[in-house]
């Protein structure tokens, strides 16, 4: 949000002077409004940056206040002409925003203000004649006030300055460039894309959207939609750019997950995080959830539900039941490095809680990853022999376009390329997810091929990170 906007000039007799500002007193205190709040910044300290040295003219500048609370964005302009005193007219239009605000969208506004008024000054002396001519035009201070209010409230403004000029500006949000989309990523929609799908959308997106369900990986989406993989990746990058999807790793029961520090928020049920998880992952909510029993046969609260009887059998439940917060927290905190999802399920099933009957495991893991409670522990393989070949220049990694042309049963030799298609993945930089999607091989098949890999004993090492 724009905290203040100003117009400054350099006067040969007075130096840098704030000619107009909105709100009044935001840059320099005014004797006409002593009841207003103190200025946002100390003008005596920053005035040398409002109208800087000539080397900074016609450049975008950002200056932070000494307390780092506000940033002043400006674009000082110098118009040389013999009609001006000292043959030069120097001015600056600037914005005051909070120091932690994204400044990229405001840079265009500052440039637009400077360029527009500079051109109006060249055409008819609009700025230099301010206050000298009674031509009925709107004062600059009034213009700045309208600009600030319209941009803050509507994100755009269209203000007639005079009969020949109109000030048109729009505040565009800045989106960073999206990360690359890989074939082994799984796009998860953040909204119901099918409900906003429009016939005017890109034809590729129209074919892809029905298959974006949070389960299919990018390569499978491309195959289902009958679209080439590069086009699919480009289209998904557009959705990623506009923050309509997010990318996760593929889910396998043989994968490993480990807790992040954010799991403490889950344990404390901060912002009802556990309740949100229950609504997303619980299945069969009307069926009773048994409590895990300890060695003595007494309930240890694993199921987290009260029973309407003493010991024998399951009593009727009064209303819909779901997995208790305690059990959900216990499930979330028992992920660890070296324990696969399948082993995690067996751990709790043996303890008396049938996970698959009450929890959608994929959604449970997905919830943990999206909320920053869990992270995927990837599986990699490294070959000492291959690293030596890379270091000595006797082998080189394959390019992306070369990878797609290699099949598991094919070999490549000559020109420095490796003869085994799996060898290019043994530099420790490629996860098994990538091998699975690019080589169309299951995890077990990859391990079998690695065992038959032509390499010295102990050359290959599989590790998790």
Protein backbone atom coordinates (compact mmCIF):
# COMPACT_ATOMS: atom_id res chain seq x y z
CA UNK A 1 0.00 0.00 0.00
CA UNK A 2 1.20 3.51 -0.85
CA UNK A 3 1.81 5.40 2.40
CA UNK A 4 2.64 8.70 0.72
CA UNK A 5 3.28 10.33 -2.64
CA UNK A 6 5.16 13.56 -3.35
CA UNK A 7 6.45 15.92 -6.04
CA UNK A 8 9.81 17.58 -5.41
CA UNK A 9 11.75 20.23 -7.33
CA UNK A 10 15.23 21.61 -7.18
CA UNK A 11 15.12 25.40 -6.83
CA UNK A 12 18.38 27.28 -7.39
CA UNK A 13 17.70 29.59 -4.44
CA UNK A 14 16.24 27.05 -1.98
CA UNK A 15 17.62 23.69 -3.01
CA UNK A 16 15.43 20.57 -2.83
CA UNK A 17 11.82 21.46 -2.00
CA UNK A 18 8.70 19.34 -1.59
CA UNK A 19 6.15 21.16 -3.75
CA UNK A 20 3.23 18.77 -3.25
CA UNK A 21 2.58 15.77 -1.02
CA UNK A 22 -0.28 13.47 -0.11
CA UNK A 23 -1.31 12.99 2.60
CA UNK A 24 -0.29 16.47 3.83
CA UNK A 25 2.73 16.34 6.10
CA UNK A 26 3.88 12.84 5.04
CA UNK A 27 7.32 14.09 3.93
CA UNK A 28 7.70 17.55 5.48
CA UNK A 29 5.62 19.07 8.25
CA UNK A 30 3.24 21.83 7.20
CA UNK A 31 2.57 24.92 9.27
CA UNK A 32 -1.00 24.91 8.01
CA UNK A 33 -1.71 21.48 9.49
CA UNK A 34 0.07 21.31 12.86
CA UNK A 35 -2.46 18.82 14.23
CA UNK A 36 -1.42 16.06 11.78
CA UNK A 37 0.91 13.17 12.53
CA UNK A 38 4.68 13.70 12.23
CA UNK A 39 6.28 13.00 8.83
CA UNK A 40 6.89 9.41 7.84
CA UNK A 41 10.57 10.09 7.14
CA UNK A 42 13.17 12.63 8.21
CA UNK A 43 13.42 14.91 5.16
CA UNK A 44 16.66 16.55 6.30
CA UNK A 45 18.41 13.19 6.09
CA UNK A 46 16.97 11.91 2.81
CA UNK A 47 16.74 15.16 0.82
CA UNK A 48 20.10 14.58 -0.89
CA UNK A 49 18.60 11.37 -2.34
CA UNK A 50 15.34 13.02 -3.43
CA UNK A 51 17.29 15.21 -5.87
CA UNK A 52 20.63 13.39 -6.14
CA UNK A 53 23.75 14.09 -8.16
CA UNK A 54 23.58 14.17 -11.96
CA UNK A 55 24.91 10.62 -12.28
CA UNK A 56 21.61 9.35 -10.83
CA UNK A 57 19.26 11.41 -13.02
CA UNK A 58 16.79 9.43 -15.13
CA UNK A 59 17.35 6.30 -13.03
CA UNK A 60 15.03 4.50 -10.63
CA UNK A 61 16.21 4.95 -7.04
CA UNK A 62 15.23 3.32 -3.75
CA UNK A 63 16.15 4.82 -0.39
CA UNK A 64 15.31 3.37 3.02
CA UNK A 65 14.52 5.58 5.98
CA UNK A 66 17.09 5.44 8.82
CA UNK A 67 14.75 3.31 10.93
CA UNK A 68 14.19 0.88 7.99
CA UNK A 69 10.45 1.32 8.34
CA UNK A 70 9.76 2.98 4.99
CA UNK A 71 11.25 3.01 1.50
CA UNK A 72 11.20 6.03 -0.79
CA UNK A 73 10.95 5.15 -4.49
CA UNK A 74 11.84 7.89 -6.95
CA UNK A 75 12.87 8.67 -10.50
CA UNK A 76 14.70 12.04 -10.61
CA UNK A 77 14.45 13.73 -14.00
CA UNK A 78 16.53 16.52 -15.52
CA UNK A 79 15.22 18.48 -18.52
CA UNK A 80 17.90 20.72 -20.04
CA UNK A 81 16.62 23.83 -21.84
CA UNK A 82 17.71 27.42 -22.16
CA UNK A 83 14.36 28.77 -20.96
CA UNK A 84 15.02 27.54 -17.41
CA UNK A 85 17.08 29.25 -14.77
CA UNK A 86 20.55 27.65 -14.99
CA UNK A 87 19.30 26.02 -18.20
CA UNK A 88 17.93 22.96 -16.38
CA UNK A 89 14.67 21.85 -14.77
CA UNK A 90 15.07 19.12 -12.14
CA UNK A 91 12.18 17.32 -10.44
CA UNK A 92 11.19 14.00 -8.92
CA UNK A 93 7.94 12.16 -8.28
CA UNK A 94 8.23 9.61 -5.50
CA UNK A 95 6.28 7.07 -3.50
CA UNK A 96 6.64 6.07 0.14
CA UNK A 97 5.90 2.41 0.88
CA UNK A 98 6.65 0.09 3.77
CA UNK A 99 10.19 -1.26 3.68
CA UNK A 100 9.07 -4.90 3.56
CA UNK A 101 6.60 -4.34 0.70
CA UNK A 102 7.24 -5.76 -2.76
CA UNK A 103 8.69 -2.79 -4.64
CA UNK A 104 8.64 -4.25 -8.16
CA UNK A 105 5.00 -3.31 -8.97
CA UNK A 106 5.57 0.25 -7.72
CA UNK A 107 8.67 0.77 -9.87
CA UNK A 108 6.51 0.93 -12.99
CA UNK A 109 4.24 3.52 -11.37
CA UNK A 110 7.15 5.79 -10.44
CA UNK A 111 8.59 5.54 -13.94
CA UNK A 112 5.19 6.27 -15.44
CA UNK A 113 4.69 9.37 -13.30
CA UNK A 114 8.14 10.69 -14.16
CA UNK A 115 7.89 10.02 -17.90
CA UNK A 116 4.34 11.41 -18.22
CA UNK A 117 5.00 14.69 -16.42
CA UNK A 118 8.38 15.09 -18.11
CA UNK A 119 6.70 14.89 -21.50
CA UNK A 120 3.98 17.32 -20.41
CA UNK A 121 6.70 19.72 -19.22
CA UNK A 122 8.51 19.51 -22.56
CA UNK A 123 5.30 20.11 -24.48
CA UNK A 124 3.84 23.04 -22.55
CA UNK A 125 5.81 23.71 -19.38
CA UNK A 126 3.18 22.05 -17.20
CA UNK A 127 5.35 21.72 -14.08
CA UNK A 128 7.42 24.88 -14.35
CA UNK A 129 4.30 27.05 -14.77
CA UNK A 130 2.51 25.51 -11.77
CA UNK A 131 0.95 28.32 -9.72
CA UNK A 132 1.90 31.01 -12.24
CA UNK A 133 -0.97 30.57 -14.69
CA UNK A 134 -4.66 30.66 -13.81
CA UNK A 135 -5.82 28.30 -16.55
CA UNK A 136 -8.28 26.37 -14.38
CA UNK A 137 -6.30 23.14 -14.37
CA UNK A 138 -6.23 20.81 -11.37
CA UNK A 139 -3.40 21.44 -8.86
CA UNK A 140 -0.67 18.81 -8.69
CA UNK A 141 -1.36 18.16 -5.01
CA UNK A 142 -4.95 17.30 -5.88
CA UNK A 143 -3.74 14.98 -8.66
CA UNK A 144 -1.37 13.17 -6.29
CA UNK A 145 -4.12 12.65 -3.73
CA UNK A 146 -6.41 11.09 -6.33
CA UNK A 147 -3.57 8.90 -7.63
CA UNK A 148 -2.79 7.57 -4.16
CA UNK A 149 -6.40 6.90 -3.21
CA UNK A 150 -7.32 5.22 -6.49
CA UNK A 151 -4.23 3.01 -6.56
CA UNK A 152 -4.69 1.95 -2.94
CA UNK A 153 -8.42 1.27 -3.32
CA UNK A 154 -8.77 0.02 -6.88
CA UNK A 155 -5.24 -0.76 -8.07
CA UNK A 156 -5.62 1.60 -11.03
CA UNK A 157 -6.39 5.20 -11.91
CA UNK A 158 -7.48 7.22 -14.94
CA UNK A 159 -7.28 10.93 -14.18
CA UNK A 160 -7.77 13.76 -16.73
CA UNK A 161 -4.94 16.23 -16.21
CA UNK A 162 -5.99 18.78 -18.81
CA UNK A 163 -7.82 18.81 -22.12
CA UNK A 164 -5.03 16.95 -23.90
CA UNK A 165 -3.56 14.63 -21.26
CA UNK A 166 -4.87 11.83 -19.07
CA UNK A 167 -2.91 9.96 -16.41
CA UNK A 168 -3.52 6.21 -16.80
CA UNK A 169 -1.79 3.79 -14.42
CA UNK A 170 -2.41 0.30 -13.14
CA UNK A 171 -0.76 -1.56 -10.28
CA UNK A 172 0.14 -5.02 -11.57
CA UNK A 173 1.04 -7.71 -9.01
CA UNK A 174 4.44 -9.27 -9.50
CA UNK A 175 4.73 -13.03 -9.86
CA UNK A 176 8.21 -14.56 -9.72
CA UNK A 177 9.24 -16.91 -12.49
CA UNK A 178 7.92 -20.40 -11.74
CA UNK A 179 10.34 -23.24 -11.06
CA UNK A 180 10.86 -25.81 -13.83
CA UNK A 181 8.22 -28.53 -14.08
CA UNK A 182 9.68 -32.02 -14.26
CA UNK A 183 8.08 -35.21 -15.50
CA UNK A 184 8.08 -36.76 -12.01
CA UNK A 185 6.27 -33.85 -10.33
CA UNK A 186 2.63 -34.13 -9.31
CA UNK A 187 0.57 -30.94 -9.82
CA UNK A 188 -2.03 -30.35 -7.11
CA UNK A 189 -4.77 -27.82 -7.92
CA UNK A 190 -5.36 -25.07 -5.35
CA UNK A 191 -8.84 -24.43 -6.75
CA UNK A 192 -11.42 -26.27 -8.80
CA UNK A 193 -9.91 -25.68 -12.23
CA UNK A 194 -12.74 -27.38 -14.12
CA UNK A 195 -15.23 -24.83 -12.75
CA UNK A 196 -13.26 -21.88 -14.13
CA UNK A 197 -12.28 -23.54 -17.41
CA UNK A 198 -13.29 -21.29 -20.29
CA UNK A 199 -13.55 -22.12 -24.02
CA UNK A 200 -11.21 -19.22 -24.74
CA UNK A 201 -8.42 -20.85 -22.73
CA UNK A 202 -5.39 -22.32 -24.45
CA UNK A 203 -6.28 -25.60 -26.17
CA UNK A 204 -3.46 -27.45 -24.43
CA UNK A 205 -4.68 -26.33 -21.00
CA UNK A 206 -8.22 -27.39 -21.85
CA UNK A 207 -6.95 -30.92 -22.54
CA UNK A 208 -4.76 -31.04 -19.42
CA UNK A 209 -7.03 -29.60 -16.73
CA UNK A 210 -9.38 -32.66 -16.45
CA UNK A 211 -6.37 -34.84 -15.57
CA UNK A 212 -4.87 -32.56 -12.89
CA UNK A 213 -6.20 -34.31 -9.79
CA UNK A 214 -3.29 -34.30 -7.34
CA UNK A 215 -2.51 -37.97 -8.12
CA UNK A 216 -1.27 -38.07 -11.72
CA UNK A 217 2.33 -37.07 -12.35
CA UNK A 218 3.25 -34.77 -15.23
CA UNK A 219 4.22 -37.55 -17.63
CA UNK A 220 1.00 -39.44 -16.98
CA UNK A 221 -1.03 -36.26 -17.49
CA UNK A 222 0.71 -35.73 -20.84
CA UNK A 223 -0.05 -39.32 -21.85
CA UNK A 224 -3.71 -39.18 -20.75
CA UNK A 225 -4.28 -35.85 -22.53
CA UNK A 226 -2.36 -36.95 -25.63
CA UNK A 227 -0.11 -33.89 -25.39
CA UNK A 228 3.66 -33.80 -25.78
CA UNK A 229 5.64 -33.58 -22.56
CA UNK A 230 7.32 -30.21 -23.33
CA UNK A 231 3.93 -28.61 -24.07
CA UNK A 232 2.52 -30.10 -20.88
CA UNK A 233 5.38 -28.71 -18.83
CA UNK A 234 4.98 -25.25 -20.38
CA UNK A 235 1.23 -25.22 -19.76
CA UNK A 236 1.66 -26.30 -16.13
CA UNK A 237 4.26 -23.57 -15.66
CA UNK A 238 1.60 -21.04 -16.62
CA UNK A 239 -0.73 -22.42 -13.95
CA UNK A 240 2.16 -22.38 -11.49
CA UNK A 241 2.95 -18.76 -12.39
CA UNK A 242 -0.56 -17.69 -11.45
CA UNK A 243 -0.44 -19.70 -8.21
CA UNK A 244 -3.29 -22.02 -9.16
CA UNK A 245 -1.36 -25.26 -8.62
CA UNK A 246 1.54 -26.49 -6.53
CA UNK A 247 4.03 -29.25 -7.25
CA UNK A 248 4.61 -32.29 -5.04
CA UNK A 249 6.58 -35.50 -5.37
CA UNK A 250 5.00 -38.74 -6.51
CA UNK A 251 3.50 -40.85 -3.74
CA UNK A 252 4.67 -44.43 -3.26
CA UNK A 253 4.13 -46.73 -0.32
CA UNK A 254 7.84 -47.47 -0.49
CA UNK A 255 8.78 -43.79 -0.04
CA UNK A 256 10.17 -42.30 3.14
CA UNK A 257 9.04 -39.11 4.85
CA UNK A 258 10.42 -37.29 7.88
CA UNK A 259 8.98 -34.53 10.08
CA UNK A 260 9.93 -30.87 9.73
CA UNK A 261 10.12 -28.39 12.65
CA UNK A 262 6.63 -27.24 11.65
CA UNK A 263 5.24 -30.46 13.12
CA UNK A 264 5.29 -28.67 16.50
CA UNK A 265 2.41 -26.49 15.25
CA UNK A 266 0.52 -29.66 14.43
CA UNK A 267 1.11 -31.07 17.91
CA UNK A 268 -0.17 -27.84 19.46
CA UNK A 269 -3.14 -27.82 17.05
CA UNK A 270 -2.21 -24.28 16.08
CA UNK A 271 -4.95 -22.60 14.01
CA UNK A 272 -6.98 -25.85 14.30
CA UNK A 273 -4.45 -27.62 12.07
CA UNK A 274 -5.32 -31.09 13.37
CA UNK A 275 -9.04 -30.51 12.84
CA UNK A 276 -8.34 -29.39 9.28
CA UNK A 277 -6.28 -32.53 8.75
CA UNK A 278 -9.09 -34.75 10.07
CA UNK A 279 -11.56 -33.27 7.63
CA UNK A 280 -9.17 -33.88 4.75
CA UNK A 281 -7.86 -37.38 5.47
CA UNK A 282 -10.47 -39.31 7.47
CA UNK A 283 -12.59 -41.88 5.65
CA UNK A 284 -15.70 -43.70 6.83
CA UNK A 285 -16.34 -41.09 9.57
CA UNK A 286 -19.52 -42.79 10.87
CA UNK A 287 -17.82 -46.07 11.71
CA UNK A 288 -16.29 -46.64 15.15
CA UNK A 289 -12.56 -46.17 15.51
CA UNK A 290 -11.00 -48.81 17.76
CA UNK A 291 -8.47 -47.78 20.35
CA UNK A 292 -5.07 -49.38 20.30
CA UNK A 293 -4.60 -51.63 23.29
CA UNK A 294 -1.47 -52.10 25.28
CA UNK A 295 -0.05 -55.38 26.57
CA UNK A 296 -2.42 -55.39 29.55
CA UNK A 297 -5.48 -55.10 27.31
CA UNK A 298 -6.52 -51.68 28.61
CA UNK A 299 -7.09 -48.83 26.17
CA UNK A 300 -4.15 -46.47 25.81
CA UNK A 301 -6.17 -43.83 23.97
CA UNK A 302 -4.77 -44.68 20.58
CA UNK A 303 -8.20 -44.51 19.00
CA UNK A 304 -9.08 -41.49 21.05
CA UNK A 305 -12.82 -42.27 21.48
CA UNK A 306 -14.81 -42.92 24.60
CA UNK A 307 -16.74 -46.15 24.76
CA UNK A 308 -20.18 -46.44 26.28
CA UNK A 309 -19.40 -49.66 28.08
CA UNK A 310 -16.86 -51.06 30.44
CA UNK A 311 -14.93 -53.82 28.69
CA UNK A 312 -16.89 -56.06 26.41
CA UNK A 313 -17.16 -55.32 22.69
CA UNK A 314 -17.86 -52.06 20.95
CA UNK A 315 -20.77 -50.06 22.26
CA UNK A 316 -23.00 -48.00 19.98
CA UNK A 317 -21.56 -44.60 19.20
CA UNK A 318 -23.62 -41.48 19.72
CA UNK A 319 -23.17 -39.67 16.44
CA UNK A 320 -20.46 -39.54 13.77
CA UNK A 321 -16.96 -40.38 14.93
CA UNK A 322 -13.57 -39.56 13.48
CA UNK A 323 -9.98 -40.34 14.31
CA UNK A 324 -9.02 -38.45 17.45
CA UNK A 325 -6.55 -35.58 17.51
CA UNK A 326 -4.24 -37.68 19.64
CA UNK A 327 -4.14 -40.47 17.07
CA UNK A 328 -3.59 -38.06 14.17
CA UNK A 329 -0.69 -36.43 16.02
CA UNK A 330 0.73 -39.86 16.80
CA UNK A 331 0.50 -40.82 13.13
CA UNK A 332 2.15 -37.61 11.96
CA UNK A 333 5.05 -37.76 14.39
CA UNK A 334 6.04 -41.37 13.72
CA UNK A 335 7.40 -40.73 10.23
CA UNK A 336 11.18 -40.91 10.18
CA UNK A 337 14.15 -41.38 7.87
CA UNK A 338 14.61 -45.04 6.95
CA UNK A 339 10.97 -46.00 7.58
CA UNK A 340 8.85 -46.38 4.46
CA UNK A 341 5.15 -45.59 4.36
CA UNK A 342 4.38 -49.30 4.20
CA UNK A 343 6.46 -49.95 7.32
CA UNK A 344 4.75 -46.98 8.99
CA UNK A 345 1.34 -48.51 8.24
CA UNK A 346 2.42 -51.89 9.60
CA UNK A 347 3.77 -50.24 12.75
CA UNK A 348 0.39 -48.75 13.64
CA UNK A 349 -1.61 -51.74 12.44
CA UNK A 350 0.38 -54.01 14.73
CA UNK A 351 -0.26 -51.54 17.55
CA UNK A 352 -4.01 -52.02 17.11
CA UNK A 353 -4.96 -49.11 14.85
CA UNK A 354 -6.01 -50.17 11.32
CA UNK A 355 -4.71 -47.14 9.43
CA UNK A 356 -6.08 -48.07 6.00
CA UNK A 357 -9.63 -48.38 7.36
CA UNK A 358 -9.79 -44.87 8.74
CA UNK A 359 -7.13 -42.78 6.99
CA UNK A 360 -6.50 -41.99 3.34
CA UNK A 361 -2.74 -42.41 3.57
CA UNK A 362 -1.95 -40.54 0.37
CA UNK A 363 -3.99 -37.52 1.45
CA UNK A 364 -2.50 -37.70 4.94
CA UNK A 365 1.05 -37.55 3.59
CA UNK A 366 0.05 -34.91 1.06
CA UNK A 367 -1.43 -32.76 3.82
CA UNK A 368 1.79 -33.02 5.82
CA UNK A 369 3.95 -32.00 2.86
CA UNK A 370 1.71 -29.09 1.81
CA UNK A 371 1.53 -27.69 5.34
CA UNK A 372 5.27 -28.01 5.87
CA UNK A 373 4.97 -30.76 8.48
CA UNK A 374 6.76 -33.46 6.47
CA UNK A 375 9.38 -33.61 3.77
CA UNK A 376 10.13 -36.33 1.27
CA UNK A 377 13.34 -38.27 1.82
CA UNK A 378 14.58 -39.00 -1.70
CA UNK A 379 16.46 -42.08 -2.75
CA UNK A 380 19.66 -41.68 -4.80
CA UNK A 381 22.40 -43.89 -6.14
CA UNK A 382 26.05 -42.96 -6.66
CA UNK A 383 28.84 -44.79 -8.48
CA UNK A 384 32.47 -44.06 -7.62
CA UNK A 385 33.55 -45.33 -11.03
CA UNK A 386 31.14 -43.04 -12.88
CA UNK A 387 32.18 -40.03 -10.81
CA UNK A 388 35.78 -40.74 -11.76
CA UNK A 389 34.84 -40.86 -15.45
CA UNK A 390 33.03 -37.54 -15.13
CA UNK A 391 35.94 -35.93 -13.31
CA UNK A 392 38.49 -37.08 -15.89
CA UNK A 393 36.33 -36.18 -18.88
CA UNK A 394 35.89 -39.73 -20.13
CA UNK A 395 32.11 -39.49 -19.71
CA UNK A 396 29.57 -36.72 -19.73
CA UNK A 397 25.98 -36.45 -18.48
CA UNK A 398 23.30 -36.78 -21.12
CA UNK A 399 21.27 -33.77 -22.15
CA UNK A 400 17.52 -33.66 -21.54
CA UNK A 401 16.76 -34.29 -25.22
CA UNK A 402 19.05 -37.34 -25.20
CA UNK A 403 17.37 -38.81 -22.14
CA UNK A 404 13.94 -39.08 -23.75
CA UNK A 405 15.32 -41.09 -26.63
CA UNK A 406 16.90 -43.80 -24.44
CA UNK A 407 14.93 -46.85 -23.39
CA UNK A 408 15.81 -49.32 -20.63
CA UNK A 409 16.73 -52.07 -23.08
CA UNK A 410 18.87 -49.80 -25.26
CA UNK A 411 22.49 -48.81 -24.79
CA UNK A 412 24.40 -45.80 -26.01
CA UNK A 413 28.05 -45.78 -26.77
CA UNK A 414 30.52 -43.59 -28.57
CA UNK A 415 30.97 -39.83 -28.32
CA UNK A 416 31.51 -40.08 -24.60
CA UNK A 417 28.03 -41.39 -23.87
CA UNK A 418 27.57 -44.21 -21.41
CA UNK A 419 26.56 -47.67 -22.54
CA UNK A 420 24.10 -48.39 -19.72
CA UNK A 421 21.09 -46.02 -19.55
CA UNK A 422 21.09 -46.22 -15.76
CA UNK A 423 24.68 -45.07 -15.43
CA UNK A 424 23.88 -41.40 -16.09
CA UNK A 425 21.75 -41.45 -12.92
CA UNK A 426 24.57 -42.71 -10.71
CA UNK A 427 26.19 -39.34 -10.01
CA UNK A 428 24.11 -38.84 -6.86
CA UNK A 429 22.12 -35.93 -8.35
CA UNK A 430 19.13 -37.89 -9.68
CA UNK A 431 16.40 -39.30 -7.48
CA UNK A 432 14.65 -42.60 -8.08
CA UNK A 433 11.49 -40.64 -8.99
CA UNK A 434 13.29 -39.31 -12.04
CA UNK A 435 14.51 -42.77 -13.02
CA UNK A 436 11.01 -44.23 -12.60
CA UNK A 437 9.39 -41.67 -14.92
CA UNK A 438 12.11 -41.36 -17.53
CA UNK A 439 12.95 -45.05 -17.81
CA UNK A 440 9.46 -46.44 -17.06
CA UNK A 441 10.85 -48.77 -14.41
CA UNK A 442 9.48 -49.62 -10.98
CA UNK A 443 11.61 -49.17 -7.89
CA UNK A 444 12.18 -52.92 -7.55
CA UNK A 445 13.21 -53.22 -11.20
CA UNK A 446 15.71 -50.38 -10.75
CA UNK A 447 17.26 -52.12 -7.75
CA UNK A 448 17.49 -55.41 -9.70
CA UNK A 449 19.24 -53.65 -12.59
CA UNK A 450 21.63 -51.93 -10.21
CA UNK A 451 22.54 -55.29 -8.65
CA UNK A 452 23.48 -56.60 -12.10
CA UNK A 453 25.32 -53.38 -12.92
CA UNK A 454 28.77 -53.97 -14.40
CA UNK A 455 30.87 -52.31 -11.75
CA UNK A 456 33.44 -53.37 -9.13
CA UNK A 457 32.10 -54.69 -5.85
CA UNK A 458 31.13 -51.88 -3.52
CA UNK A 459 31.12 -49.30 -6.31
CA UNK A 460 27.42 -48.46 -6.05
CA UNK A 461 25.89 -46.87 -2.96
CA UNK A 462 22.20 -46.14 -2.41
CA UNK A 463 21.53 -43.33 0.02
CA UNK A 464 18.64 -41.18 1.23
CA UNK A 465 18.53 -37.42 1.56
